[in-house]
Amino acid sequence: MKRKIIEIDADKCNGCGLCASACQEGAIGIADGKAKLLRDDYCDGLGNCLPVCPTEAIKFIEREAKEYNEEAVKMNQRKKEPKDGCPGASAHSIQRASESVPVNNIGAAPTELRQWPVQIKLVPANALYFDGANLLITADCAAYARANFHPEFMRGKITLIGCPKLDEVDYSEKLTDIITNNNIKSLTVVRMEVPCCGGIEQAAVTALKNSGKFIPWQVITLGTDGDIRKR
């Protein structure tokens, strides 16, 4: 049948993966560093991928294509659901306007969160947003201790949070997978001064060593009052 469907210009595509994240049907993937329409019958022709493409590499054309197969799409989506069955753990990038996000009648507070999920336990190690990322690994209570946490530490970074004491897990294996299998540009660890928070620092350092990669990294320690402690 002849219908409206997307076409991707490989010459314009920079391989950022934003279109693949925006396509809830799974019609788009990244192959050899470029976005590619994987299956015609997964493309619903609605174009959620178009507005997120920074290079305008995607457009609609009308051509012979398989009919959109909603049942096949649903089956594919079920296969990709997290093992714990939580739909909120589905990985995706977050696009923000440049303006601040209003939070009350007094003013506005901009957020620097650029991806979901943020929990180390839930994030997929192969999420597209890790490619070329400056990675922030932080204790989940750090943002509550320091009011300026978003612009000071999260800006321009992919943020992962965790608490070794509450999760009672060793994050090093998951973090090793992330660093080893993605092009991570830098690593920043923000922890609290409390002893149990040493686990998140140790996991990050161990992961970096296990990966065999040499990337810039730093550890920042916050006091319970939110002040930065000298190491």
Protein backbone atom coordinates (compact mmCIF):
# COMPACT_ATOMS: atom_id res chain seq x y z
CA MET A 1 0.00 0.00 0.00
CA LYS A 2 1.08 3.58 -0.57
CA ARG A 3 1.18 5.71 2.57
CA LYS A 4 2.97 8.51 4.41
CA ILE A 5 6.15 7.34 6.13
CA ILE A 6 9.40 8.86 7.36
CA GLU A 7 12.63 9.03 5.38
CA ILE A 8 16.02 9.64 7.03
CA ASP A 9 18.79 11.49 5.20
CA ALA A 10 21.98 9.67 6.26
CA ASP A 11 24.16 12.57 5.08
CA LYS A 12 22.42 14.97 7.47
CA CYS A 13 22.11 12.51 10.40
CA ASN A 14 24.66 12.99 13.18
CA GLY A 15 23.72 9.79 15.01
CA CYS A 16 22.56 11.55 18.19
CA GLY A 17 19.79 8.98 18.76
CA LEU A 18 17.13 11.49 19.81
CA CYS A 19 14.76 10.26 17.12
CA ALA A 20 15.12 6.66 18.28
CA SER A 21 14.32 7.71 21.84
CA ALA A 22 11.30 9.71 20.67
CA CYS A 23 9.90 6.84 18.61
CA GLN A 24 7.77 4.90 21.09
CA GLU A 25 6.99 2.27 18.45
CA GLY A 26 10.63 1.23 18.03
CA ALA A 27 10.67 1.92 14.30
CA ILE A 28 14.01 3.76 14.44
CA GLY A 29 17.38 2.44 15.55
CA ILE A 30 21.04 3.43 15.27
CA ALA A 31 23.22 1.42 12.89
CA ASP A 32 26.82 2.30 12.01
CA GLY A 33 26.42 5.63 13.76
CA LYS A 34 23.34 6.70 11.80
CA ALA A 35 19.60 6.62 12.44
CA LYS A 36 17.75 4.04 10.37
CA LEU A 37 14.11 3.10 9.82
CA LEU A 38 14.16 -0.51 11.00
CA ARG A 39 10.68 -1.61 9.97
CA ASP A 40 8.05 0.10 7.85
CA ASP A 41 5.22 -1.57 9.76
CA TYR A 42 6.44 -0.04 13.05
CA CYS A 43 6.17 3.53 11.72
CA ASP A 44 2.74 5.02 12.48
CA GLY A 45 3.34 8.08 10.34
CA LEU A 46 2.66 10.54 13.18
CA GLY A 47 6.19 11.92 13.22
CA ASN A 48 7.16 12.23 16.91
CA CYS A 49 10.73 11.87 15.69
CA LEU A 50 10.69 14.96 13.44
CA PRO A 51 10.76 17.80 15.99
CA VAL A 52 13.61 16.29 18.06
CA CYS A 53 16.03 15.93 15.13
CA PRO A 54 18.65 18.72 15.47
CA THR A 55 19.85 18.42 11.85
CA GLU A 56 16.44 18.13 10.13
CA ALA A 57 17.48 14.78 8.68
CA ILE A 58 13.95 13.33 8.87
CA LYS A 59 11.03 14.13 6.59
CA PHE A 60 7.75 12.57 5.47
CA ILE A 61 7.45 10.99 2.04
CA GLU A 62 4.70 8.97 0.41
CA ARG A 63 5.75 5.58 -0.93
CA GLU A 64 4.89 1.90 -1.02
CA ALA A 65 5.21 0.59 2.53
CA LYS A 66 3.76 -2.09 4.75
CA GLU A 67 0.69 -1.08 6.73
CA TYR A 68 1.28 0.06 10.31
CA ASN A 69 1.02 -3.06 12.51
CA GLU A 70 -0.15 -2.02 15.97
CA GLU A 71 -0.14 -5.57 17.34
CA ALA A 72 3.47 -6.16 16.25
CA VAL A 73 4.47 -2.85 17.84
CA LYS A 74 2.82 -3.77 21.14
CA MET A 75 4.56 -7.14 21.17
CA ASN A 76 7.90 -5.43 20.53
CA GLN A 77 7.27 -2.93 23.32
CA ARG A 78 6.46 -5.72 25.77
CA LYS A 79 9.78 -7.41 24.97
CA LYS A 80 11.61 -4.20 25.90
CA GLU A 81 9.83 -3.64 29.20
CA PRO A 82 12.13 -3.75 32.27
CA LYS A 83 12.21 -7.12 34.03
CA ASP A 84 10.62 -5.64 37.12
CA GLY A 85 7.63 -4.65 34.97
CA CYS A 86 7.83 -0.97 35.87
CA PRO A 87 6.79 1.14 32.83
CA GLY A 88 8.38 4.18 34.47
CA ALA A 89 11.81 2.61 34.00
CA SER A 90 11.66 2.95 30.21
CA ALA A 91 14.78 4.82 29.07
CA HIS A 92 14.36 8.09 27.20
CA SER A 93 15.99 11.46 26.76
CA ILE A 94 14.27 14.60 28.04
CA GLN A 95 14.11 17.63 25.79
CA ARG A 96 13.93 20.99 27.56
CA ALA A 97 13.10 24.44 26.30
CA SER A 98 15.70 27.07 27.15
CA GLU A 99 13.29 28.86 29.46
CA SER A 100 12.98 28.11 33.15
CA VAL A 101 10.24 25.78 34.28
CA PRO A 102 7.72 27.60 36.56
CA VAL A 103 7.32 25.88 39.91
CA ASN A 104 5.40 28.43 41.98
CA ASN A 105 4.06 31.98 42.04
CA ILE A 106 7.33 33.43 43.31
CA GLY A 107 9.63 32.58 40.45
CA ALA A 108 10.98 29.80 38.30
CA ALA A 109 13.54 27.08 38.84
CA PRO A 110 15.23 25.49 35.83
CA THR A 111 15.89 21.75 35.91
CA GLU A 112 18.97 20.18 34.39
CA LEU A 113 17.71 16.60 34.21
CA ARG A 114 18.21 15.31 30.68
CA GLN A 115 17.24 11.62 30.84
CA TRP A 116 15.11 8.99 32.53
CA PRO A 117 15.45 6.82 34.58
CA VAL A 118 18.03 8.19 36.99
CA GLN A 119 18.36 5.30 39.46
CA ILE A 120 21.53 3.26 38.84
CA LYS A 121 19.56 0.05 39.38
CA LEU A 122 16.98 0.91 36.72
CA VAL A 123 18.96 2.60 33.96
CA PRO A 124 19.74 0.42 30.89
CA ALA A 125 23.50 0.17 30.37
CA ASN A 126 23.03 0.58 26.61
CA ALA A 127 20.77 3.67 26.71
CA LEU A 128 21.44 5.95 23.74
CA TYR A 129 21.97 9.01 25.91
CA PHE A 130 25.22 7.54 27.32
CA ASP A 131 26.98 7.97 23.97
CA GLY A 132 29.32 10.93 24.31
CA ALA A 133 28.02 11.73 27.80
CA ASN A 134 29.65 13.53 30.67
CA LEU A 135 28.53 11.22 33.46
CA LEU A 136 27.49 12.32 36.96
CA ILE A 137 27.16 9.61 39.60
CA THR A 138 25.76 10.97 42.83
CA ALA A 139 24.26 10.05 46.17
CA ASP A 140 20.50 10.48 45.95
CA CYS A 141 20.41 12.79 48.98
CA ALA A 142 23.09 15.17 47.66
CA ALA A 143 20.60 17.28 45.70
CA TYR A 144 18.61 17.89 48.90
CA ALA A 145 21.70 18.99 50.82
CA ARG A 146 22.85 21.59 48.26
CA ALA A 147 20.26 24.00 46.88
CA ASN A 148 22.23 24.85 43.73
CA PHE A 149 22.83 21.21 42.81
CA HIS A 150 21.16 21.25 39.36
CA PRO A 151 23.10 24.10 37.70
CA GLU A 152 26.29 23.41 39.64
CA PHE A 153 26.68 19.68 39.06
CA MET A 154 24.01 18.36 36.65
CA ARG A 155 24.25 20.88 33.81
CA GLY A 156 25.47 19.20 30.63
CA LYS A 157 25.65 15.78 32.27
CA ILE A 158 23.77 12.49 32.35
CA THR A 159 22.85 11.95 36.00
CA LEU A 160 22.73 8.64 37.87
CA ILE A 161 21.77 8.41 41.54
CA GLY A 162 21.92 5.72 44.18
CA CYS A 163 22.35 4.90 47.86
CA PRO A 164 24.51 1.86 48.70
CA LYS A 165 23.03 1.60 52.19
CA LEU A 166 19.39 1.56 51.07
CA ASP A 167 19.86 -0.50 47.89
CA GLU A 168 22.32 -2.90 49.55
CA VAL A 169 23.95 -3.65 46.21
CA ASP A 170 27.35 -3.19 44.64
CA TYR A 171 26.92 -0.74 41.77
CA SER A 172 30.36 -1.46 40.28
CA GLU A 173 29.19 -4.15 37.83
CA LYS A 174 26.43 -1.96 36.35
CA LEU A 175 28.70 1.08 36.18
CA THR A 176 31.46 -0.99 34.56
CA ASP A 177 29.03 -1.98 31.79
CA ILE A 178 28.03 1.63 31.24
CA ILE A 179 31.60 2.96 31.06
CA THR A 180 32.95 0.03 29.04
CA ASN A 181 30.24 -0.08 26.40
CA ASN A 182 29.69 3.65 25.85
CA ASN A 183 31.75 6.64 24.84
CA ILE A 184 31.83 8.36 28.24
CA LYS A 185 33.75 11.65 28.06
CA SER A 186 34.15 12.37 31.78
CA LEU A 187 33.09 11.07 35.17
CA THR A 188 32.09 13.12 38.21
CA VAL A 189 31.13 11.56 41.54
CA VAL A 190 29.26 13.66 44.11
CA ARG A 191 28.90 11.96 47.49
CA MET A 192 28.03 12.93 51.03
CA GLU A 193 30.60 12.93 53.82
CA VAL A 194 28.79 10.16 55.71
CA PRO A 195 30.71 6.82 55.75
CA CYS A 196 28.04 4.76 53.96
CA CYS A 197 28.34 7.06 50.96
CA GLY A 198 31.86 5.76 50.37
CA GLY A 199 30.24 2.81 48.60
CA ILE A 200 29.11 4.91 45.67
CA GLU A 201 32.58 6.43 45.27
CA GLN A 202 34.25 3.02 45.48
CA ALA A 203 31.84 1.54 42.92
CA ALA A 204 32.58 4.34 40.45
CA VAL A 205 36.35 4.09 40.90
CA THR A 206 36.22 0.29 40.57
CA ALA A 207 34.11 0.56 37.42
CA LEU A 208 36.54 3.01 35.89
CA LYS A 209 39.47 0.68 36.62
CA ASN A 210 37.62 -2.38 35.33
CA SER A 211 36.74 -0.61 32.09
CA GLY A 212 40.40 -0.10 31.27
CA LYS A 213 39.59 3.38 29.99
CA PHE A 214 41.41 6.59 30.83
CA ILE A 215 38.90 9.42 31.12
CA PRO A 216 38.92 12.57 33.28
CA TRP A 217 37.26 11.95 36.65
CA GLN A 218 36.79 13.69 39.98
CA VAL A 219 35.13 13.11 43.35
CA ILE A 220 33.32 15.91 45.20
CA THR A 221 32.25 15.44 48.82
CA LEU A 222 29.40 17.41 50.37
CA GLY A 223 28.84 17.91 54.06
CA THR A 224 25.41 17.36 55.54
CA ASP A 225 25.15 21.16 55.58
CA GLY A 226 25.62 21.19 51.80
CA ASP A 227 29.09 22.72 51.82
CA ILE A 228 31.85 21.20 49.68
CA ARG A 229 34.46 19.47 51.84
CA LYS A 230 38.13 19.59 50.96
CA ARG A 231 39.63 16.16 50.36
